Amino acid sequence: MSDRIERIQRALSSLQAAHIALRDDSAKHRGHAGAQDGRGHFALEIVSESFRGLSALARHRKVYAALGDLMHTDIHALQISAKLPEENQ
């Protein structure tokens, strides 16, 4: 597991997720103008009770807040699927 993936997963631990699947898609975007600074492209599936009562937009904002500075230092693009436990069946 890459150091970058570990940092992202540590940051997401604050959401107390029942499930996290994080995929690094950076290799698919080599040469992409936005990836030239070394930040990566990721796809995230996260299931957490902490999303209860939140709209899809609010769930994404909660993920971005948990990631904090990593959105500026490590992540260029993030595809998010944020669900409640009962939505993940």
PDB file of N, CA and C in Angstrom:
ATOM      1  N   MET A   1       0.857  -1.187   0.000  1.00  0.00           N
ATOM      2  CA  MET A   1       0.000   0.000   0.000  1.00  0.00           C
ATOM      3  C   MET A   1       0.896   1.241   0.000  1.00  0.00           C
ATOM      4  N   SER A   2       0.529   2.200  -0.820  1.00  0.00           N
ATOM      5  CA  SER A   2       1.353   3.408  -0.924  1.00  0.00           C
ATOM      6  C   SER A   2       1.187   4.295   0.309  1.00  0.00           C
ATOM      7  N   ASP A   3       2.209   5.104   0.528  1.00  0.00           N
ATOM      8  CA  ASP A   3       2.194   6.050   1.645  1.00  0.00           C
ATOM      9  C   ASP A   3       1.019   7.027   1.504  1.00  0.00           C
ATOM     10  N   ARG A   4       0.747   7.440   0.273  1.00  0.00           N
ATOM     11  CA  ARG A   4      -0.354   8.378   0.009  1.00  0.00           C
ATOM     12  C   ARG A   4      -1.700   7.753   0.376  1.00  0.00           C
ATOM     13  N   ILE A   5      -1.911   6.500  -0.014  1.00  0.00           N
ATOM     14  CA  ILE A   5      -3.150   5.792   0.325  1.00  0.00           C
ATOM     15  C   ILE A   5      -3.291   5.693   1.843  1.00  0.00           C
ATOM     16  N   GLU A   6      -2.208   5.377   2.527  1.00  0.00           N
ATOM     17  CA  GLU A   6      -2.248   5.280   3.989  1.00  0.00           C
ATOM     18  C   GLU A   6      -2.625   6.612   4.626  1.00  0.00           C
ATOM     19  N   ARG A   7      -2.064   7.714   4.121  1.00  0.00           N
ATOM     20  CA  ARG A   7      -2.405   9.042   4.663  1.00  0.00           C
ATOM     21  C   ARG A   7      -3.889   9.344   4.456  1.00  0.00           C
ATOM     22  N   ILE A   8      -4.391   9.028   3.297  1.00  0.00           N
ATOM     23  CA  ILE A   8      -5.808   9.280   3.004  1.00  0.00           C
ATOM     24  C   ILE A   8      -6.683   8.431   3.914  1.00  0.00           C
ATOM     25  N   GLN A   9      -6.354   7.163   4.060  1.00  0.00           N
ATOM     26  CA  GLN A   9      -7.159   6.286   4.917  1.00  0.00           C
ATOM     27  C   GLN A   9      -7.123   6.731   6.375  1.00  0.00           C
ATOM     28  N   ARG A  10      -5.962   7.193   6.838  1.00  0.00           N
ATOM     29  CA  ARG A  10      -5.882   7.715   8.223  1.00  0.00           C
ATOM     30  C   ARG A  10      -6.794   8.919   8.394  1.00  0.00           C
ATOM     31  N   ALA A  11      -6.800   9.813   7.412  1.00  0.00           N
ATOM     32  CA  ALA A  11      -7.654  11.003   7.495  1.00  0.00           C
ATOM     33  C   ALA A  11      -9.125  10.616   7.511  1.00  0.00           C
ATOM     34  N   LEU A  12      -9.488   9.602   6.740  1.00  0.00           N
ATOM     35  CA  LEU A  12     -10.887   9.170   6.672  1.00  0.00           C
ATOM     36  C   LEU A  12     -11.328   8.405   7.910  1.00  0.00           C
ATOM     37  N   SER A  13     -10.397   7.962   8.731  1.00  0.00           N
ATOM     38  CA  SER A  13     -10.751   7.197   9.931  1.00  0.00           C
ATOM     39  C   SER A  13     -11.625   8.016  10.881  1.00  0.00           C
ATOM     40  N   SER A  14     -11.560   9.330  10.788  1.00  0.00           N
ATOM     41  CA  SER A  14     -12.386  10.173  11.647  1.00  0.00           C
ATOM     42  C   SER A  14     -13.881   9.998  11.352  1.00  0.00           C
ATOM     43  N   LEU A  15     -14.210   9.432  10.190  1.00  0.00           N
ATOM     44  CA  LEU A  15     -15.617   9.218   9.825  1.00  0.00           C
ATOM     45  C   LEU A  15     -16.158   7.892  10.355  1.00  0.00           C
ATOM     46  N   GLN A  16     -15.313   7.126  11.019  1.00  0.00           N
ATOM     47  CA  GLN A  16     -15.703   5.852  11.628  1.00  0.00           C
ATOM     48  C   GLN A  16     -16.500   4.998  10.641  1.00  0.00           C
ATOM     49  N   ALA A  17     -15.914   4.759   9.508  1.00  0.00           N
ATOM     50  CA  ALA A  17     -16.578   4.035   8.429  1.00  0.00           C
ATOM     51  C   ALA A  17     -16.661   2.545   8.709  1.00  0.00           C
ATOM     52  N   ALA A  18     -17.786   1.960   8.317  1.00  0.00           N
ATOM     53  CA  ALA A  18     -17.946   0.514   8.379  1.00  0.00           C
ATOM     54  C   ALA A  18     -17.217  -0.142   7.210  1.00  0.00           C
ATOM     55  N   HIS A  19     -17.018   0.634   6.134  1.00  0.00           N
ATOM     56  CA  HIS A  19     -16.344   0.117   4.940  1.00  0.00           C
ATOM     57  C   HIS A  19     -15.679   1.278   4.209  1.00  0.00           C
ATOM     58  N   ILE A  20     -14.428   1.063   3.796  1.00  0.00           N
ATOM     59  CA  ILE A  20     -13.717   2.016   2.947  1.00  0.00           C
ATOM     60  C   ILE A  20     -13.001   1.223   1.864  1.00  0.00           C
ATOM     61  N   ALA A  21     -13.232   1.613   0.624  1.00  0.00           N
ATOM     62  CA  ALA A  21     -12.477   1.066  -0.504  1.00  0.00           C
ATOM     63  C   ALA A  21     -11.927   2.265  -1.263  1.00  0.00           C
ATOM     64  N   LEU A  22     -10.626   2.352  -1.323  1.00  0.00           N
ATOM     65  CA  LEU A  22      -9.963   3.482  -1.970  1.00  0.00           C
ATOM     66  C   LEU A  22      -9.092   2.939  -3.096  1.00  0.00           C
ATOM     67  N   ARG A  23      -9.330   3.439  -4.293  1.00  0.00           N
ATOM     68  CA  ARG A  23      -8.586   2.987  -5.464  1.00  0.00           C
ATOM     69  C   ARG A  23      -7.802   4.153  -6.060  1.00  0.00           C
ATOM     70  N   ASP A  24      -6.539   3.918  -6.326  1.00  0.00           N
ATOM     71  CA  ASP A  24      -5.684   4.925  -6.954  1.00  0.00           C
ATOM     72  C   ASP A  24      -5.774   4.753  -8.468  1.00  0.00           C
ATOM     73  N   ASP A  25      -6.395   5.709  -9.134  1.00  0.00           N
ATOM     74  CA  ASP A  25      -6.560   5.686 -10.590  1.00  0.00           C
ATOM     75  C   ASP A  25      -5.568   6.614 -11.284  1.00  0.00           C
ATOM     76  N   SER A  26      -4.540   7.024 -10.585  1.00  0.00           N
ATOM     77  CA  SER A  26      -3.597   8.010 -11.118  1.00  0.00           C
ATOM     78  C   SER A  26      -2.951   7.553 -12.420  1.00  0.00           C
ATOM     79  N   ALA A  27      -2.640   6.277 -12.539  1.00  0.00           N
ATOM     80  CA  ALA A  27      -1.976   5.777 -13.741  1.00  0.00           C
ATOM     81  C   ALA A  27      -2.822   6.007 -14.992  1.00  0.00           C
ATOM     82  N   LYS A  28      -4.133   6.023 -14.836  1.00  0.00           N
ATOM     83  CA  LYS A  28      -5.031   6.254 -15.974  1.00  0.00           C
ATOM     84  C   LYS A  28      -4.982   7.702 -16.461  1.00  0.00           C
ATOM     85  N   HIS A  29      -4.412   8.573 -15.645  1.00  0.00           N
ATOM     86  CA  HIS A  29      -4.444  10.006 -15.944  1.00  0.00           C
ATOM     87  C   HIS A  29      -3.050  10.597 -16.187  1.00  0.00           C
ATOM     88  N   ARG A  30      -2.082   9.751 -16.432  1.00  0.00           N
ATOM     89  CA  ARG A  30      -0.731  10.245 -16.727  1.00  0.00           C
ATOM     90  C   ARG A  30      -0.801  11.198 -17.918  1.00  0.00           C
ATOM     91  N   GLY A  31      -0.130  12.315 -17.800  1.00  0.00           N
ATOM     92  CA  GLY A  31      -0.134  13.302 -18.866  1.00  0.00           C
ATOM     93  C   GLY A  31      -1.276  14.298 -18.775  1.00  0.00           C
ATOM     94  N   HIS A  32      -2.249  14.040 -17.905  1.00  0.00           N
ATOM     95  CA  HIS A  32      -3.373  14.950 -17.689  1.00  0.00           C
ATOM     96  C   HIS A  32      -2.836  16.231 -17.063  1.00  0.00           C
ATOM     97  N   ALA A  33      -3.249  17.359 -17.582  1.00  0.00           N
ATOM     98  CA  ALA A  33      -2.722  18.647 -17.114  1.00  0.00           C
ATOM     99  C   ALA A  33      -2.860  18.818 -15.607  1.00  0.00           C
ATOM    100  N   GLY A  34      -3.968  18.376 -15.038  1.00  0.00           N
ATOM    101  CA  GLY A  34      -4.195  18.551 -13.611  1.00  0.00           C
ATOM    102  C   GLY A  34      -3.355  17.655 -12.734  1.00  0.00           C
ATOM    103  N   ALA A  35      -2.777  16.602 -13.325  1.00  0.00           N
ATOM    104  CA  ALA A  35      -1.984  15.659 -12.534  1.00  0.00           C
ATOM    105  C   ALA A  35      -0.492  15.947 -12.621  1.00  0.00           C
ATOM    106  N   GLN A  36      -0.087  16.960 -13.344  1.00  0.00           N
ATOM    107  CA  GLN A  36       1.328  17.248 -13.542  1.00  0.00           C
ATOM    108  C   GLN A  36       2.046  17.667 -12.260  1.00  0.00           C
ATOM    109  N   ASP A  37       1.291  18.123 -11.273  1.00  0.00           N
ATOM    110  CA  ASP A  37       1.936  18.540 -10.024  1.00  0.00           C
ATOM    111  C   ASP A  37       2.153  17.367  -9.068  1.00  0.00           C
ATOM    112  N   GLY A  38       1.823  16.152  -9.507  1.00  0.00           N
ATOM    113  CA  GLY A  38       2.089  14.971  -8.699  1.00  0.00           C
ATOM    114  C   GLY A  38       0.934  14.504  -7.843  1.00  0.00           C
ATOM    115  N   ARG A  39      -0.128  15.283  -7.784  1.00  0.00           N
ATOM    116  CA  ARG A  39      -1.287  14.838  -7.003  1.00  0.00           C
ATOM    117  C   ARG A  39      -2.017  13.747  -7.783  1.00  0.00           C
ATOM    118  N   GLY A  40      -2.777  12.900  -7.077  1.00  0.00           N
ATOM    119  CA  GLY A  40      -3.372  11.735  -7.700  1.00  0.00           C
ATOM    120  C   GLY A  40      -4.869  11.814  -7.925  1.00  0.00           C
ATOM    121  N   HIS A  41      -5.340  10.833  -8.698  1.00  0.00           N
ATOM    122  CA  HIS A  41      -6.759  10.636  -8.981  1.00  0.00           C
ATOM    123  C   HIS A  41      -7.210   9.386  -8.222  1.00  0.00           C
ATOM    124  N   PHE A  42      -8.288   9.505  -7.457  1.00  0.00           N
ATOM    125  CA  PHE A  42      -8.740   8.403  -6.616  1.00  0.00           C
ATOM    126  C   PHE A  42     -10.243   8.190  -6.742  1.00  0.00           C
ATOM    127  N   ALA A  43     -10.659   6.953  -6.476  1.00  0.00           N
ATOM    128  CA  ALA A  43     -12.075   6.611  -6.379  1.00  0.00           C
ATOM    129  C   ALA A  43     -12.289   6.058  -4.972  1.00  0.00           C
ATOM    130  N   LEU A  44     -13.300   6.575  -4.287  1.00  0.00           N
ATOM    131  CA  LEU A  44     -13.569   6.208  -2.897  1.00  0.00           C
ATOM    132  C   LEU A  44     -14.990   5.689  -2.742  1.00  0.00           C
ATOM    133  N   GLU A  45     -15.102   4.533  -2.124  1.00  0.00           N
ATOM    134  CA  GLU A  45     -16.391   4.026  -1.648  1.00  0.00           C
ATOM    135  C   GLU A  45     -16.302   4.032  -0.134  1.00  0.00           C
ATOM    136  N   ILE A  46     -17.229   4.716   0.509  1.00  0.00           N
ATOM    137  CA  ILE A  46     -17.195   4.799   1.966  1.00  0.00           C
ATOM    138  C   ILE A  46     -18.609   4.629   2.503  1.00  0.00           C
ATOM    139  N   VAL A  47     -18.736   3.805   3.536  1.00  0.00           N
ATOM    140  CA  VAL A  47     -20.018   3.536   4.186  1.00  0.00           C
ATOM    141  C   VAL A  47     -19.875   3.934   5.650  1.00  0.00           C
ATOM    142  N   SER A  48     -20.731   4.856   6.082  1.00  0.00           N
ATOM    143  CA  SER A  48     -20.607   5.341   7.450  1.00  0.00           C
ATOM    144  C   SER A  48     -21.957   5.797   7.997  1.00  0.00           C
ATOM    145  N   GLU A  49     -22.174   5.488   9.231  1.00  0.00           N
ATOM    146  CA  GLU A  49     -23.368   5.956   9.932  1.00  0.00           C
ATOM    147  C   GLU A  49     -23.325   7.475  10.091  1.00  0.00           C
ATOM    148  N   SER A  50     -22.136   8.058  10.020  1.00  0.00           N
ATOM    149  CA  SER A  50     -22.000   9.509  10.190  1.00  0.00           C
ATOM    150  C   SER A  50     -22.661  10.302   9.058  1.00  0.00           C
ATOM    151  N   PHE A  51     -23.087   9.621   7.993  1.00  0.00           N
ATOM    152  CA  PHE A  51     -23.774  10.290   6.885  1.00  0.00           C
ATOM    153  C   PHE A  51     -25.286  10.386   7.096  1.00  0.00           C
ATOM    154  N   ARG A  52     -25.771   9.820   8.187  1.00  0.00           N
ATOM    155  CA  ARG A  52     -27.217   9.800   8.439  1.00  0.00           C
ATOM    156  C   ARG A  52     -27.783  11.217   8.445  1.00  0.00           C
ATOM    157  N   GLY A  53     -28.860  11.408   7.687  1.00  0.00           N
ATOM    158  CA  GLY A  53     -29.546  12.690   7.635  1.00  0.00           C
ATOM    159  C   GLY A  53     -28.904  13.710   6.706  1.00  0.00           C
ATOM    160  N   LEU A  54     -27.831  13.321   6.041  1.00  0.00           N
ATOM    161  CA  LEU A  54     -27.124  14.262   5.167  1.00  0.00           C
ATOM    162  C   LEU A  54     -27.468  14.009   3.697  1.00  0.00           C
ATOM    163  N   SER A  55     -27.566  15.082   2.949  1.00  0.00           N
ATOM    164  CA  SER A  55     -27.750  14.965   1.503  1.00  0.00           C
ATOM    165  C   SER A  55     -26.452  14.448   0.883  1.00  0.00           C
ATOM    166  N   ALA A  56     -26.515  14.071  -0.387  1.00  0.00           N
ATOM    167  CA  ALA A  56     -25.308  13.606  -1.081  1.00  0.00           C
ATOM    168  C   ALA A  56     -24.228  14.684  -1.056  1.00  0.00           C
ATOM    169  N   LEU A  57     -24.615  15.921  -1.295  1.00  0.00           N
ATOM    170  CA  LEU A  57     -23.649  17.018  -1.283  1.00  0.00           C
ATOM    171  C   LEU A  57     -23.019  17.185   0.098  1.00  0.00           C
ATOM    172  N   ALA A  58     -23.821  17.105   1.145  1.00  0.00           N
ATOM    173  CA  ALA A  58     -23.301  17.243   2.508  1.00  0.00           C
ATOM    174  C   ALA A  58     -22.377  16.075   2.871  1.00  0.00           C
ATOM    175  N   ARG A  59     -22.669  14.888   2.366  1.00  0.00           N
ATOM    176  CA  ARG A  59     -21.796  13.734   2.603  1.00  0.00           C
ATOM    177  C   ARG A  59     -20.430  13.980   1.960  1.00  0.00           C
ATOM    178  N   HIS A  60     -20.438  14.480   0.729  1.00  0.00           N
ATOM    179  CA  HIS A  60     -19.180  14.768   0.039  1.00  0.00           C
ATOM    180  C   HIS A  60     -18.394  15.853   0.781  1.00  0.00           C
ATOM    181  N   ARG A  61     -19.091  16.857   1.243  1.00  0.00           N
ATOM    182  CA  ARG A  61     -18.414  17.921   2.003  1.00  0.00           C
ATOM    183  C   ARG A  61     -17.781  17.367   3.274  1.00  0.00           C
ATOM    184  N   LYS A  62     -18.460  16.409   3.900  1.00  0.00           N
ATOM    185  CA  LYS A  62     -17.936  15.796   5.117  1.00  0.00           C
ATOM    186  C   LYS A  62     -16.658  15.013   4.800  1.00  0.00           C
ATOM    187  N   VAL A  63     -16.645  14.322   3.686  1.00  0.00           N
ATOM    188  CA  VAL A  63     -15.444  13.594   3.261  1.00  0.00           C
ATOM    189  C   VAL A  63     -14.311  14.585   2.994  1.00  0.00           C
ATOM    190  N   TYR A  64     -14.606  15.652   2.241  1.00  0.00           N
ATOM    191  CA  TYR A  64     -13.582  16.663   1.951  1.00  0.00           C
ATOM    192  C   TYR A  64     -13.040  17.284   3.237  1.00  0.00           C
ATOM    193  N   ALA A  65     -13.913  17.543   4.196  1.00  0.00           N
ATOM    194  CA  ALA A  65     -13.471  18.118   5.472  1.00  0.00           C
ATOM    195  C   ALA A  65     -12.542  17.158   6.207  1.00  0.00           C
ATOM    196  N   ALA A  66     -12.863  15.871   6.174  1.00  0.00           N
ATOM    197  CA  ALA A  66     -12.013  14.878   6.838  1.00  0.00           C
ATOM    198  C   ALA A  66     -10.641  14.807   6.168  1.00  0.00           C
ATOM    199  N   LEU A  67     -10.601  14.983   4.856  1.00  0.00           N
ATOM    200  CA  LEU A  67      -9.340  14.914   4.125  1.00  0.00           C
ATOM    201  C   LEU A  67      -8.493  16.170   4.305  1.00  0.00           C
ATOM    202  N   GLY A  68      -9.143  17.287   4.582  1.00  0.00           N
ATOM    203  CA  GLY A  68      -8.427  18.528   4.875  1.00  0.00           C
ATOM    204  C   GLY A  68      -7.389  18.896   3.834  1.00  0.00           C
ATOM    205  N   ASP A  69      -6.164  19.135   4.286  1.00  0.00           N
ATOM    206  CA  ASP A  69      -5.080  19.586   3.417  1.00  0.00           C
ATOM    207  C   ASP A  69      -4.685  18.567   2.355  1.00  0.00           C
ATOM    208  N   LEU A  70      -5.030  17.291   2.539  1.00  0.00           N
ATOM    209  CA  LEU A  70      -4.693  16.286   1.536  1.00  0.00           C
ATOM    210  C   LEU A  70      -5.322  16.610   0.184  1.00  0.00           C
ATOM    211  N   MET A  71      -6.420  17.357   0.207  1.00  0.00           N
ATOM    212  CA  MET A  71      -7.049  17.763  -1.050  1.00  0.00           C
ATOM    213  C   MET A  71      -6.174  18.760  -1.801  1.00  0.00           C
ATOM    214  N   HIS A  72      -5.248  19.383  -1.116  1.00  0.00           N
ATOM    215  CA  HIS A  72      -4.357  20.359  -1.748  1.00  0.00           C
ATOM    216  C   HIS A  72      -2.961  19.794  -1.997  1.00  0.00           C
ATOM    217  N   THR A  73      -2.590  18.761  -1.239  1.00  0.00           N
ATOM    218  CA  THR A  73      -1.230  18.249  -1.329  1.00  0.00           C
ATOM    219  C   THR A  73      -1.112  16.899  -2.035  1.00  0.00           C
ATOM    220  N   ASP A  74      -2.149  16.060  -1.952  1.00  0.00           N
ATOM    221  CA  ASP A  74      -2.049  14.687  -2.455  1.00  0.00           C
ATOM    222  C   ASP A  74      -3.112  14.302  -3.479  1.00  0.00           C
ATOM    223  N   ILE A  75      -4.252  14.976  -3.452  1.00  0.00           N
ATOM    224  CA  ILE A  75      -5.397  14.565  -4.273  1.00  0.00           C
ATOM    225  C   ILE A  75      -5.737  15.646  -5.289  1.00  0.00           C
ATOM    226  N   HIS A  76      -5.735  15.256  -6.556  1.00  0.00           N
ATOM    227  CA  HIS A  76      -6.193  16.165  -7.612  1.00  0.00           C
ATOM    228  C   HIS A  76      -7.667  15.936  -7.909  1.00  0.00           C
ATOM    229  N   ALA A  77      -8.074  14.661  -7.979  1.00  0.00           N
ATOM    230  CA  ALA A  77      -9.459  14.321  -8.299  1.00  0.00           C
ATOM    231  C   ALA A  77      -9.902  13.179  -7.396  1.00  0.00           C
ATOM    232  N   LEU A  78     -11.151  13.268  -6.937  1.00  0.00           N
ATOM    233  CA  LEU A  78     -11.693  12.254  -6.041  1.00  0.00           C
ATOM    234  C   LEU A  78     -13.133  11.952  -6.434  1.00  0.00           C
ATOM    235  N   GLN A  79     -13.364  10.727  -6.852  1.00  0.00           N
ATOM    236  CA  GLN A  79     -14.715  10.251  -7.149  1.00  0.00           C
ATOM    237  C   GLN A  79     -15.232   9.612  -5.858  1.00  0.00           C
ATOM    238  N   ILE A  80     -16.385  10.078  -5.371  1.00  0.00           N
ATOM    239  CA  ILE A  80     -16.881   9.638  -4.063  1.00  0.00           C
ATOM    240  C   ILE A  80     -18.230   8.938  -4.180  1.00  0.00           C
ATOM    241  N   SER A  81     -18.323   7.787  -3.535  1.00  0.00           N
ATOM    242  CA  SER A  81     -19.598   7.112  -3.293  1.00  0.00           C
ATOM    243  C   SER A  81     -19.713   7.016  -1.774  1.00  0.00           C
ATOM    244  N   ALA A  82     -20.589   7.821  -1.182  1.00  0.00           N
ATOM    245  CA  ALA A  82     -20.734   7.886   0.277  1.00  0.00           C
ATOM    246  C   ALA A  82     -22.126   7.413   0.656  1.00  0.00           C
ATOM    247  N   LYS A  83     -22.198   6.309   1.388  1.00  0.00           N
ATOM    248  CA  LYS A  83     -23.489   5.680   1.688  1.00  0.00           C
ATOM    249  C   LYS A  83     -23.655   5.385   3.170  1.00  0.00           C
ATOM    250  N   LEU A  84     -24.897   5.201   3.548  1.00  0.00           N
ATOM    251  CA  LEU A  84     -25.248   4.675   4.861  1.00  0.00           C
ATOM    252  C   LEU A  84     -25.164   3.150   4.798  1.00  0.00           C
ATOM    253  N   PRO A  85     -25.026   2.477   5.940  1.00  0.00           N
ATOM    254  CA  PRO A  85     -24.923   1.018   5.919  1.00  0.00           C
ATOM    255  C   PRO A  85     -26.076   0.344   5.156  1.00  0.00           C
ATOM    256  N   GLU A  86     -27.287   0.793   5.344  1.00  0.00           N
ATOM    257  CA  GLU A  86     -28.425   0.131   4.678  1.00  0.00           C
ATOM    258  C   GLU A  86     -28.486   0.432   3.178  1.00  0.00           C
ATOM    259  N   GLU A  87     -27.767   1.413   2.730  1.00  0.00           N
ATOM    260  CA  GLU A  87     -27.717   1.742   1.306  1.00  0.00           C
ATOM    261  C   GLU A  87     -26.657   0.929   0.576  1.00  0.00           C
ATOM    262  N   ASN A  88     -25.857   0.209   1.317  1.00  0.00           N
ATOM    263  CA  ASN A  88     -24.733  -0.526   0.742  1.00  0.00           C
ATOM    264  C   ASN A  88     -25.044  -2.005   0.568  1.00  0.00           C
ATOM    265  N   GLN A  89     -26.275  -2.368   0.518  1.00  0.00           N
ATOM    266  CA  GLN A  89     -26.641  -3.791   0.426  1.00  0.00           C
ATOM    267  C   GLN A  89     -26.924  -4.215  -0.981  1.00  0.00           C
TER     268      GLN A  89
END
